[in-house]
């Protein structure tokens, strides 16, 4: 059983910053990709950023240059530093883990991020 626990969400003013953390625990074999997705009410969940085992990162166009994803392999933790935040960044943010030879995917329960204008 794999557990993902997110933290760091909250309320911030436009232009401000937040840092999300996600700790993975449990029966984890090799980690392939860890990432962050977000979902606004009535919309589909979308990729925000992800980091591969080799360190390669991918970002959504809407956050490129403002958000930075990083990873601490020793702690099975992934971070999302969010700067210059905008009201449209308001969403529930979910941590995602893809692991093992079969690419099993696990999700966290999500953390709310609200950006006020």
Protein backbone atom coordinates (compact mmCIF):
# COMPACT_ATOMS: atom_id res chain seq x y z
CA UNK A 1 0.00 0.00 0.00
CA UNK A 2 1.33 3.40 -1.01
CA UNK A 3 0.31 6.61 0.71
CA UNK A 4 0.83 10.14 -0.55
CA UNK A 5 0.35 12.99 1.90
CA UNK A 6 0.28 16.55 0.61
CA UNK A 7 0.83 19.67 2.68
CA UNK A 8 1.45 23.37 2.21
CA UNK A 9 -1.80 24.49 0.64
CA UNK A 10 -3.68 27.54 1.82
CA UNK A 11 -4.72 31.07 1.01
CA UNK A 12 -2.34 33.54 -0.62
CA UNK A 13 -2.70 36.91 -2.31
CA UNK A 14 -2.03 37.30 -6.00
CA UNK A 15 1.70 37.71 -6.59
CA UNK A 16 2.52 35.66 -3.51
CA UNK A 17 4.15 32.27 -3.07
CA UNK A 18 3.36 28.87 -1.63
CA UNK A 19 5.33 25.66 -1.37
CA UNK A 20 3.60 22.31 -1.58
CA UNK A 21 5.14 19.10 -0.27
CA UNK A 22 4.18 15.50 -0.87
CA UNK A 23 5.64 12.59 1.06
CA UNK A 24 5.32 9.08 -0.32
CA UNK A 25 5.37 6.14 2.06
CA UNK A 26 4.54 2.46 2.08
CA UNK A 27 5.48 -0.33 -0.31
CA UNK A 28 7.28 1.72 -2.91
CA UNK A 29 9.54 0.10 -5.42
CA UNK A 30 11.39 2.25 -7.89
CA UNK A 31 9.88 5.69 -8.41
CA UNK A 32 9.46 6.56 -12.06
CA UNK A 33 7.75 9.92 -11.94
CA UNK A 34 6.38 12.17 -9.23
CA UNK A 35 4.24 15.11 -10.06
CA UNK A 36 1.52 17.58 -9.28
CA UNK A 37 -1.86 17.88 -10.91
CA UNK A 38 -4.67 20.31 -10.18
CA UNK A 39 -8.39 20.44 -10.61
CA UNK A 40 -10.79 23.35 -10.46
CA UNK A 41 -14.52 22.85 -9.85
CA UNK A 42 -16.25 21.60 -12.99
CA UNK A 43 -13.00 21.11 -14.84
CA UNK A 44 -10.79 18.14 -15.64
CA UNK A 45 -7.69 17.38 -13.66
CA UNK A 46 -4.62 18.75 -15.42
CA UNK A 47 -0.89 18.30 -15.16
CA UNK A 48 0.96 21.10 -13.41
CA UNK A 49 4.47 19.68 -13.26
CA UNK A 50 6.27 16.37 -13.00
CA UNK A 51 9.78 15.17 -12.43
CA UNK A 52 11.19 11.93 -13.80
CA UNK A 53 13.66 9.61 -12.12
CA UNK A 54 16.45 11.06 -14.25
CA UNK A 55 15.59 14.58 -13.16
CA UNK A 56 13.86 15.68 -16.33
CA UNK A 57 10.96 18.02 -15.61
CA UNK A 58 7.80 18.91 -17.50
CA UNK A 59 5.57 21.91 -16.85
CA UNK A 60 2.21 23.12 -18.00
CA UNK A 61 2.59 26.20 -20.17
CA UNK A 62 0.45 28.19 -17.74
CA UNK A 63 2.93 27.74 -14.87
CA UNK A 64 6.26 27.63 -16.68
CA UNK A 65 8.62 30.23 -15.27
CA UNK A 66 6.55 30.64 -12.11
CA UNK A 67 6.47 27.14 -10.59
CA UNK A 68 9.40 24.85 -9.84
CA UNK A 69 9.19 21.15 -9.08
CA UNK A 70 11.93 19.39 -7.16
CA UNK A 71 12.47 16.09 -5.46
CA UNK A 72 14.31 14.64 -2.48
CA UNK A 73 14.86 11.00 -3.37
CA UNK A 74 16.14 10.06 0.06
CA UNK A 75 12.90 11.28 1.61
CA UNK A 76 10.55 10.14 -1.19
CA UNK A 77 9.30 13.71 -1.24
CA UNK A 78 8.36 16.02 -4.08
CA UNK A 79 7.96 19.77 -3.77
CA UNK A 80 6.21 22.41 -5.81
CA UNK A 81 7.41 25.97 -5.31
CA UNK A 82 4.76 28.33 -6.63
CA UNK A 83 5.71 31.96 -7.18
CA UNK A 84 3.95 34.95 -8.71
CA UNK A 85 0.67 33.21 -8.13
CA UNK A 86 -2.50 34.20 -9.95
CA UNK A 87 -6.18 33.81 -9.06
CA UNK A 88 -6.47 31.24 -11.85
CA UNK A 89 -4.06 29.02 -9.91
CA UNK A 90 -6.87 28.43 -7.42
CA UNK A 91 -7.48 24.67 -7.45
CA UNK A 92 -7.16 21.51 -5.48
CA UNK A 93 -3.62 20.26 -6.03
CA UNK A 94 -2.97 16.52 -6.12
CA UNK A 95 0.27 14.65 -5.77
CA UNK A 96 0.86 11.80 -8.20
CA UNK A 97 3.32 8.92 -8.05
CA UNK A 98 4.16 6.48 -10.81
CA UNK A 99 6.30 3.63 -9.59
CA UNK A 100 7.56 0.14 -10.25
CA UNK A 101 8.11 -1.84 -13.43
CA UNK A 102 4.40 -1.75 -14.25
CA UNK A 103 4.00 1.98 -13.77
CA UNK A 104 1.42 1.84 -11.01
CA UNK A 105 -0.13 5.23 -10.30
CA UNK A 106 -1.13 6.53 -6.88
CA UNK A 107 -2.81 9.79 -5.90
CA UNK A 108 -2.87 11.91 -2.79
CA UNK A 109 -6.10 13.27 -1.36
CA UNK A 110 -5.35 16.79 -2.49
CA UNK A 111 -4.67 20.15 -0.89
CA UNK A 112 -6.63 23.32 -1.55
CA UNK A 113 -4.80 26.35 -2.90
CA UNK A 114 -6.68 29.64 -3.08
CA UNK A 115 -5.25 32.80 -4.62
CA UNK A 116 -7.12 36.00 -3.85
CA UNK A 117 -7.07 38.97 -6.20
